[in-house]
Amino acid sequence: IIKAKEQVFLLLNILNTQLINNNYILGDEFSLADIPAGCWYNRCQKFNFDFSNFDGINAWFSKLRKRDAYKNNVISAPLPPN
């Protein structure tokens, strides 16, 4: 679990760097790239990952969670059984 979290945080650093300079993953407009990343982020949040050091990701998530489609289809969706 520790190794998996380390790998996730390496990826989060890459995403955070991109989002510090952009409103969304590919620039200033929401795109298809934001959908799977937003789903993945939501899942990580449900597993209590600490995102406090990721200012870019946190700002991006604030924008995502204001979108009705994200609220209705990602945040409120139950996690699938494993």
PDB file of N, CA and C in Angstrom:
ATOM      1  N   ILE A   1       0.831  -1.191   0.000  1.00  0.00           N
ATOM      2  CA  ILE A   1       0.000   0.000   0.000  1.00  0.00           C
ATOM      3  C   ILE A   1       0.871   1.249   0.000  1.00  0.00           C
ATOM      4  N   ILE A   2       1.939   1.218   0.783  1.00  0.00           N
ATOM      5  CA  ILE A   2       2.839   2.380   0.852  1.00  0.00           C
ATOM      6  C   ILE A   2       3.452   2.656  -0.510  1.00  0.00           C
ATOM      7  N   LYS A   3       3.908   1.609  -1.198  1.00  0.00           N
ATOM      8  CA  LYS A   3       4.519   1.790  -2.521  1.00  0.00           C
ATOM      9  C   LYS A   3       3.496   2.326  -3.525  1.00  0.00           C
ATOM     10  N   ALA A   4       2.274   1.819  -3.462  1.00  0.00           N
ATOM     11  CA  ALA A   4       1.227   2.303  -4.366  1.00  0.00           C
ATOM     12  C   ALA A   4       0.936   3.781  -4.119  1.00  0.00           C
ATOM     13  N   LYS A   5       0.872   4.177  -2.849  1.00  0.00           N
ATOM     14  CA  LYS A   5       0.635   5.596  -2.539  1.00  0.00           C
ATOM     15  C   LYS A   5       1.779   6.464  -3.051  1.00  0.00           C
ATOM     16  N   GLU A   6       3.000   5.998  -2.931  1.00  0.00           N
ATOM     17  CA  GLU A   6       4.144   6.753  -3.443  1.00  0.00           C
ATOM     18  C   GLU A   6       4.013   6.955  -4.948  1.00  0.00           C
ATOM     19  N   GLN A   7       3.594   5.917  -5.661  1.00  0.00           N
ATOM     20  CA  GLN A   7       3.421   6.017  -7.108  1.00  0.00           C
ATOM     21  C   GLN A   7       2.297   6.982  -7.455  1.00  0.00           C
ATOM     22  N   VAL A   8       1.216   6.938  -6.697  1.00  0.00           N
ATOM     23  CA  VAL A   8       0.112   7.861  -6.930  1.00  0.00           C
ATOM     24  C   VAL A   8       0.577   9.297  -6.715  1.00  0.00           C
ATOM     25  N   PHE A   9       1.342   9.542  -5.679  1.00  0.00           N
ATOM     26  CA  PHE A   9       1.796  10.905  -5.408  1.00  0.00           C
ATOM     27  C   PHE A   9       2.778  11.403  -6.465  1.00  0.00           C
ATOM     28  N   LEU A  10       3.552  10.513  -7.072  1.00  0.00           N
ATOM     29  CA  LEU A  10       4.401  10.931  -8.189  1.00  0.00           C
ATOM     30  C   LEU A  10       3.540  11.445  -9.345  1.00  0.00           C
ATOM     31  N   LEU A  11       2.459  10.732  -9.635  1.00  0.00           N
ATOM     32  CA  LEU A  11       1.548  11.161 -10.698  1.00  0.00           C
ATOM     33  C   LEU A  11       0.816  12.440 -10.322  1.00  0.00           C
ATOM     34  N   LEU A  12       0.435  12.545  -9.067  1.00  0.00           N
ATOM     35  CA  LEU A  12      -0.237  13.762  -8.611  1.00  0.00           C
ATOM     36  C   LEU A  12       0.659  14.985  -8.741  1.00  0.00           C
ATOM     37  N   ASN A  13       1.943  14.822  -8.524  1.00  0.00           N
ATOM     38  CA  ASN A  13       2.875  15.944  -8.697  1.00  0.00           C
ATOM     39  C   ASN A  13       2.879  16.436 -10.135  1.00  0.00           C
ATOM     40  N   ILE A  14       2.844  15.504 -11.085  1.00  0.00           N
ATOM     41  CA  ILE A  14       2.808  15.879 -12.506  1.00  0.00           C
ATOM     42  C   ILE A  14       1.514  16.633 -12.806  1.00  0.00           C
ATOM     43  N   LEU A  15       0.402  16.080 -12.355  1.00  0.00           N
ATOM     44  CA  LEU A  15      -0.897  16.721 -12.576  1.00  0.00           C
ATOM     45  C   LEU A  15      -0.949  18.087 -11.903  1.00  0.00           C
ATOM     46  N   ASN A  16      -0.444  18.181 -10.700  1.00  0.00           N
ATOM     47  CA  ASN A  16      -0.457  19.446  -9.969  1.00  0.00           C
ATOM     48  C   ASN A  16       0.337  20.519 -10.705  1.00  0.00           C
ATOM     49  N   THR A  17       1.485  20.162 -11.228  1.00  0.00           N
ATOM     50  CA  THR A  17       2.304  21.125 -11.979  1.00  0.00           C
ATOM     51  C   THR A  17       1.536  21.662 -13.173  1.00  0.00           C
ATOM     52  N   GLN A  18       0.843  20.783 -13.873  1.00  0.00           N
ATOM     53  CA  GLN A  18       0.040  21.206 -15.021  1.00  0.00           C
ATOM     54  C   GLN A  18      -1.092  22.136 -14.590  1.00  0.00           C
ATOM     55  N   LEU A  19      -1.713  21.819 -13.467  1.00  0.00           N
ATOM     56  CA  LEU A  19      -2.885  22.583 -13.026  1.00  0.00           C
ATOM     57  C   LEU A  19      -2.529  23.880 -12.301  1.00  0.00           C
ATOM     58  N   ILE A  20      -1.308  24.028 -11.885  1.00  0.00           N
ATOM     59  CA  ILE A  20      -0.882  25.313 -11.318  1.00  0.00           C
ATOM     60  C   ILE A  20      -0.882  26.374 -12.417  1.00  0.00           C
ATOM     61  N   ASN A  21      -0.569  25.952 -13.631  1.00  0.00           N
ATOM     62  CA  ASN A  21      -0.463  26.882 -14.751  1.00  0.00           C
ATOM     63  C   ASN A  21      -1.705  26.950 -15.632  1.00  0.00           C
ATOM     64  N   ASN A  22      -2.705  26.106 -15.363  1.00  0.00           N
ATOM     65  CA  ASN A  22      -3.899  26.027 -16.202  1.00  0.00           C
ATOM     66  C   ASN A  22      -5.138  25.825 -15.335  1.00  0.00           C
ATOM     67  N   ASN A  23      -6.279  26.254 -15.834  1.00  0.00           N
ATOM     68  CA  ASN A  23      -7.534  26.025 -15.127  1.00  0.00           C
ATOM     69  C   ASN A  23      -7.980  24.577 -15.200  1.00  0.00           C
ATOM     70  N   TYR A  24      -7.672  23.933 -16.329  1.00  0.00           N
ATOM     71  CA  TYR A  24      -8.024  22.538 -16.551  1.00  0.00           C
ATOM     72  C   TYR A  24      -6.804  21.822 -17.113  1.00  0.00           C
ATOM     73  N   ILE A  25      -6.892  20.532 -17.295  1.00  0.00           N
ATOM     74  CA  ILE A  25      -5.718  19.738 -17.652  1.00  0.00           C
ATOM     75  C   ILE A  25      -5.083  20.186 -18.967  1.00  0.00           C
ATOM     76  N   LEU A  26      -5.899  20.475 -19.969  1.00  0.00           N
ATOM     77  CA  LEU A  26      -5.336  20.853 -21.267  1.00  0.00           C
ATOM     78  C   LEU A  26      -5.311  22.353 -21.526  1.00  0.00           C
ATOM     79  N   GLY A  27      -5.646  23.143 -20.550  1.00  0.00           N
ATOM     80  CA  GLY A  27      -5.632  24.588 -20.753  1.00  0.00           C
ATOM     81  C   GLY A  27      -6.681  25.279 -19.915  1.00  0.00           C
ATOM     82  N   ASP A  28      -7.308  26.271 -20.503  1.00  0.00           N
ATOM     83  CA  ASP A  28      -8.261  27.073 -19.748  1.00  0.00           C
ATOM     84  C   ASP A  28      -9.707  26.622 -19.894  1.00  0.00           C
ATOM     85  N   GLU A  29      -9.963  25.594 -20.702  1.00  0.00           N
ATOM     86  CA  GLU A  29     -11.328  25.108 -20.869  1.00  0.00           C
ATOM     87  C   GLU A  29     -11.432  23.645 -20.478  1.00  0.00           C
ATOM     88  N   PHE A  30     -12.554  23.278 -19.909  1.00  0.00           N
ATOM     89  CA  PHE A  30     -12.843  21.893 -19.562  1.00  0.00           C
ATOM     90  C   PHE A  30     -12.778  21.050 -20.824  1.00  0.00           C
ATOM     91  N   SER A  31     -12.173  19.852 -20.721  1.00  0.00           N
ATOM     92  CA  SER A  31     -12.066  18.969 -21.882  1.00  0.00           C
ATOM     93  C   SER A  31     -12.251  17.516 -21.464  1.00  0.00           C
ATOM     94  N   LEU A  32     -12.222  16.646 -22.423  1.00  0.00           N
ATOM     95  CA  LEU A  32     -12.342  15.215 -22.179  1.00  0.00           C
ATOM     96  C   LEU A  32     -11.271  14.719 -21.215  1.00  0.00           C
ATOM     97  N   ALA A  33     -10.117  15.328 -21.206  1.00  0.00           N
ATOM     98  CA  ALA A  33      -9.028  14.918 -20.305  1.00  0.00           C
ATOM     99  C   ALA A  33      -9.399  15.084 -18.833  1.00  0.00           C
ATOM    100  N   ASP A  34     -10.263  16.020 -18.530  1.00  0.00           N
ATOM    101  CA  ASP A  34     -10.645  16.273 -17.141  1.00  0.00           C
ATOM    102  C   ASP A  34     -11.591  15.212 -16.580  1.00  0.00           C
ATOM    103  N   ILE A  35     -12.291  14.508 -17.445  1.00  0.00           N
ATOM    104  CA  ILE A  35     -13.291  13.549 -16.974  1.00  0.00           C
ATOM    105  C   ILE A  35     -12.659  12.350 -16.262  1.00  0.00           C
ATOM    106  N   PRO A  36     -11.766  11.585 -16.907  1.00  0.00           N
ATOM    107  CA  PRO A  36     -11.195  10.446 -16.182  1.00  0.00           C
ATOM    108  C   PRO A  36     -10.325  10.871 -15.001  1.00  0.00           C
ATOM    109  N   ALA A  37      -9.613  11.977 -15.152  1.00  0.00           N
ATOM    110  CA  ALA A  37      -8.783  12.458 -14.042  1.00  0.00           C
ATOM    111  C   ALA A  37      -9.661  12.883 -12.875  1.00  0.00           C
ATOM    112  N   GLY A  38     -10.785  13.491 -13.166  1.00  0.00           N
ATOM    113  CA  GLY A  38     -11.721  13.892 -12.116  1.00  0.00           C
ATOM    114  C   GLY A  38     -12.321  12.698 -11.401  1.00  0.00           C
ATOM    115  N   CYS A  39     -12.619  11.640 -12.151  1.00  0.00           N
ATOM    116  CA  CYS A  39     -13.131  10.402 -11.533  1.00  0.00           C
ATOM    117  C   CYS A  39     -12.064   9.772 -10.651  1.00  0.00           C
ATOM    118  N   TRP A  40     -10.858   9.736 -11.135  1.00  0.00           N
ATOM    119  CA  TRP A  40      -9.733   9.152 -10.391  1.00  0.00           C
ATOM    120  C   TRP A  40      -9.471   9.960  -9.121  1.00  0.00           C
ATOM    121  N   TYR A  41      -9.494  11.277  -9.243  1.00  0.00           N
ATOM    122  CA  TYR A  41      -9.292  12.146  -8.085  1.00  0.00           C
ATOM    123  C   TYR A  41     -10.354  11.888  -7.022  1.00  0.00           C
ATOM    124  N   ASN A  42     -11.599  11.784  -7.449  1.00  0.00           N
ATOM    125  CA  ASN A  42     -12.684  11.536  -6.512  1.00  0.00           C
ATOM    126  C   ASN A  42     -12.476  10.219  -5.773  1.00  0.00           C
ATOM    127  N   ARG A  43     -12.038   9.202  -6.481  1.00  0.00           N
ATOM    128  CA  ARG A  43     -11.784   7.913  -5.840  1.00  0.00           C
ATOM    129  C   ARG A  43     -10.644   8.041  -4.817  1.00  0.00           C
ATOM    130  N   CYS A  44      -9.588   8.739  -5.166  1.00  0.00           N
ATOM    131  CA  CYS A  44      -8.477   8.929  -4.225  1.00  0.00           C
ATOM    132  C   CYS A  44      -8.948   9.671  -2.976  1.00  0.00           C
ATOM    133  N   GLN A  45      -9.835  10.623  -3.157  1.00  0.00           N
ATOM    134  CA  GLN A  45     -10.366  11.361  -2.003  1.00  0.00           C
ATOM    135  C   GLN A  45     -11.133  10.440  -1.071  1.00  0.00           C
ATOM    136  N   LYS A  46     -11.883   9.522  -1.630  1.00  0.00           N
ATOM    137  CA  LYS A  46     -12.660   8.598  -0.811  1.00  0.00           C
ATOM    138  C   LYS A  46     -11.767   7.636  -0.041  1.00  0.00           C
ATOM    139  N   PHE A  47     -10.516   7.494  -0.481  1.00  0.00           N
ATOM    140  CA  PHE A  47      -9.564   6.644   0.217  1.00  0.00           C
ATOM    141  C   PHE A  47      -8.616   7.453   1.106  1.00  0.00           C
ATOM    142  N   ASN A  48      -9.027   8.671   1.424  1.00  0.00           N
ATOM    143  CA  ASN A  48      -8.317   9.537   2.372  1.00  0.00           C
ATOM    144  C   ASN A  48      -6.888   9.880   1.974  1.00  0.00           C
ATOM    145  N   PHE A  49      -6.655  10.141   0.707  1.00  0.00           N
ATOM    146  CA  PHE A  49      -5.356  10.653   0.296  1.00  0.00           C
ATOM    147  C   PHE A  49      -5.247  12.096   0.764  1.00  0.00           C
ATOM    148  N   ASP A  50      -4.064  12.513   1.130  1.00  0.00           N
ATOM    149  CA  ASP A  50      -3.842  13.881   1.597  1.00  0.00           C
ATOM    150  C   ASP A  50      -3.471  14.770   0.411  1.00  0.00           C
ATOM    151  N   PHE A  51      -4.367  15.656   0.026  1.00  0.00           N
ATOM    152  CA  PHE A  51      -4.141  16.552  -1.104  1.00  0.00           C
ATOM    153  C   PHE A  51      -3.756  17.960  -0.659  1.00  0.00           C
ATOM    154  N   SER A  52      -3.414  18.133   0.579  1.00  0.00           N
ATOM    155  CA  SER A  52      -3.168  19.478   1.108  1.00  0.00           C
ATOM    156  C   SER A  52      -1.988  20.184   0.446  1.00  0.00           C
ATOM    157  N   ASN A  53      -1.045  19.459  -0.113  1.00  0.00           N
ATOM    158  CA  ASN A  53       0.122  20.085  -0.744  1.00  0.00           C
ATOM    159  C   ASN A  53      -0.044  20.302  -2.244  1.00  0.00           C
ATOM    160  N   PHE A  54      -1.241  20.088  -2.761  1.00  0.00           N
ATOM    161  CA  PHE A  54      -1.464  20.177  -4.198  1.00  0.00           C
ATOM    162  C   PHE A  54      -2.415  21.331  -4.523  1.00  0.00           C
ATOM    163  N   ASP A  55      -1.894  22.532  -4.517  1.00  0.00           N
ATOM    164  CA  ASP A  55      -2.724  23.720  -4.738  1.00  0.00           C
ATOM    165  C   ASP A  55      -3.389  23.728  -6.109  1.00  0.00           C
ATOM    166  N   GLY A  56      -2.666  23.288  -7.134  1.00  0.00           N
ATOM    167  CA  GLY A  56      -3.238  23.255  -8.484  1.00  0.00           C
ATOM    168  C   GLY A  56      -4.395  22.276  -8.577  1.00  0.00           C
ATOM    169  N   ILE A  57      -4.221  21.104  -8.006  1.00  0.00           N
ATOM    170  CA  ILE A  57      -5.277  20.090  -8.026  1.00  0.00           C
ATOM    171  C   ILE A  57      -6.478  20.556  -7.221  1.00  0.00           C
ATOM    172  N   ASN A  58      -6.245  21.156  -6.096  1.00  0.00           N
ATOM    173  CA  ASN A  58      -7.357  21.622  -5.264  1.00  0.00           C
ATOM    174  C   ASN A  58      -8.168  22.720  -5.952  1.00  0.00           C
ATOM    175  N   ALA A  59      -7.496  23.623  -6.639  1.00  0.00           N
ATOM    176  CA  ALA A  59      -8.208  24.679  -7.376  1.00  0.00           C
ATOM    177  C   ALA A  59      -9.013  24.071  -8.524  1.00  0.00           C
ATOM    178  N   TRP A  60      -8.424  23.098  -9.218  1.00  0.00           N
ATOM    179  CA  TRP A  60      -9.101  22.402 -10.315  1.00  0.00           C
ATOM    180  C   TRP A  60     -10.336  21.660  -9.788  1.00  0.00           C
ATOM    181  N   PHE A  61     -10.183  20.972  -8.661  1.00  0.00           N
ATOM    182  CA  PHE A  61     -11.302  20.231  -8.098  1.00  0.00           C
ATOM    183  C   PHE A  61     -12.435  21.165  -7.697  1.00  0.00           C
ATOM    184  N   SER A  62     -12.102  22.342  -7.211  1.00  0.00           N
ATOM    185  CA  SER A  62     -13.141  23.325  -6.867  1.00  0.00           C
ATOM    186  C   SER A  62     -13.989  23.667  -8.087  1.00  0.00           C
ATOM    187  N   LYS A  63     -13.342  23.764  -9.239  1.00  0.00           N
ATOM    188  CA  LYS A  63     -14.078  24.036 -10.479  1.00  0.00           C
ATOM    189  C   LYS A  63     -14.918  22.826 -10.887  1.00  0.00           C
ATOM    190  N   LEU A  64     -14.345  21.638 -10.783  1.00  0.00           N
ATOM    191  CA  LEU A  64     -15.071  20.430 -11.176  1.00  0.00           C
ATOM    192  C   LEU A  64     -16.324  20.227 -10.344  1.00  0.00           C
ATOM    193  N   ARG A  65     -16.199  20.375  -9.040  1.00  0.00           N
ATOM    194  CA  ARG A  65     -17.339  20.057  -8.183  1.00  0.00           C
ATOM    195  C   ARG A  65     -18.482  21.065  -8.304  1.00  0.00           C
ATOM    196  N   LYS A  66     -18.262  22.162  -8.998  1.00  0.00           N
ATOM    197  CA  LYS A  66     -19.343  23.109  -9.284  1.00  0.00           C
ATOM    198  C   LYS A  66     -20.138  22.698 -10.522  1.00  0.00           C
ATOM    199  N   ARG A  67     -19.597  21.767 -11.292  1.00  0.00           N
ATOM    200  CA  ARG A  67     -20.264  21.312 -12.514  1.00  0.00           C
ATOM    201  C   ARG A  67     -21.349  20.298 -12.149  1.00  0.00           C
ATOM    202  N   ASP A  68     -22.555  20.534 -12.625  1.00  0.00           N
ATOM    203  CA  ASP A  68     -23.672  19.641 -12.309  1.00  0.00           C
ATOM    204  C   ASP A  68     -23.394  18.200 -12.720  1.00  0.00           C
ATOM    205  N   ALA A  69     -22.836  17.999 -13.889  1.00  0.00           N
ATOM    206  CA  ALA A  69     -22.567  16.638 -14.355  1.00  0.00           C
ATOM    207  C   ALA A  69     -21.588  15.923 -13.429  1.00  0.00           C
ATOM    208  N   TYR A  70     -20.594  16.628 -12.938  1.00  0.00           N
ATOM    209  CA  TYR A  70     -19.623  16.017 -12.025  1.00  0.00           C
ATOM    210  C   TYR A  70     -20.288  15.677 -10.695  1.00  0.00           C
ATOM    211  N   LYS A  71     -21.073  16.600 -10.176  1.00  0.00           N
ATOM    212  CA  LYS A  71     -21.769  16.343  -8.908  1.00  0.00           C
ATOM    213  C   LYS A  71     -22.711  15.148  -9.032  1.00  0.00           C
ATOM    214  N   ASN A  72     -23.459  15.094 -10.124  1.00  0.00           N
ATOM    215  CA  ASN A  72     -24.478  14.064 -10.283  1.00  0.00           C
ATOM    216  C   ASN A  72     -23.935  12.702 -10.686  1.00  0.00           C
ATOM    217  N   ASN A  73     -22.807  12.671 -11.383  1.00  0.00           N
ATOM    218  CA  ASN A  73     -22.324  11.412 -11.932  1.00  0.00           C
ATOM    219  C   ASN A  73     -21.040  10.895 -11.319  1.00  0.00           C
ATOM    220  N   VAL A  74     -20.325  11.724 -10.615  1.00  0.00           N
ATOM    221  CA  VAL A  74     -19.062  11.274 -10.017  1.00  0.00           C
ATOM    222  C   VAL A  74     -19.132  11.343  -8.511  1.00  0.00           C
ATOM    223  N   ILE A  75     -19.373  12.500  -7.963  1.00  0.00           N
ATOM    224  CA  ILE A  75     -19.368  12.658  -6.505  1.00  0.00           C
ATOM    225  C   ILE A  75     -20.450  11.819  -5.853  1.00  0.00           C
ATOM    226  N   SER A  76     -21.632  11.813  -6.410  1.00  0.00           N
ATOM    227  CA  SER A  76     -22.737  11.090  -5.775  1.00  0.00           C
ATOM    228  C   SER A  76     -22.779   9.604  -6.142  1.00  0.00           C
ATOM    229  N   ALA A  77     -21.956   9.170  -7.083  1.00  0.00           N
ATOM    230  CA  ALA A  77     -21.958   7.758  -7.496  1.00  0.00           C
ATOM    231  C   ALA A  77     -21.261   6.895  -6.457  1.00  0.00           C
ATOM    232  N   PRO A  78     -21.822   5.740  -6.171  1.00  0.00           N
ATOM    233  CA  PRO A  78     -21.145   4.837  -5.226  1.00  0.00           C
ATOM    234  C   PRO A  78     -19.911   4.218  -5.885  1.00  0.00           C
ATOM    235  N   LEU A  79     -18.961   3.824  -5.061  1.00  0.00           N
ATOM    236  CA  LEU A  79     -17.798   3.128  -5.604  1.00  0.00           C
ATOM    237  C   LEU A  79     -18.221   1.742  -6.082  1.00  0.00           C
ATOM    238  N   PRO A  80     -17.663   1.298  -7.206  1.00  0.00           N
ATOM    239  CA  PRO A  80     -18.017  -0.037  -7.681  1.00  0.00           C
ATOM    240  C   PRO A  80     -17.411  -1.099  -6.762  1.00  0.00           C
ATOM    241  N   PRO A  81     -18.032  -2.253  -6.693  1.00  0.00           N
ATOM    242  CA  PRO A  81     -17.445  -3.321  -5.878  1.00  0.00           C
ATOM    243  C   PRO A  81     -16.145  -3.809  -6.523  1.00  0.00           C
ATOM    244  N   ASN A  82     -15.222  -4.205  -5.701  1.00  0.00           N
ATOM    245  CA  ASN A  82     -13.932  -4.696  -6.227  1.00  0.00           C
ATOM    246  C   ASN A  82     -13.912  -6.189  -6.299  1.00  0.00           C
TER     247      ASN A  82
END
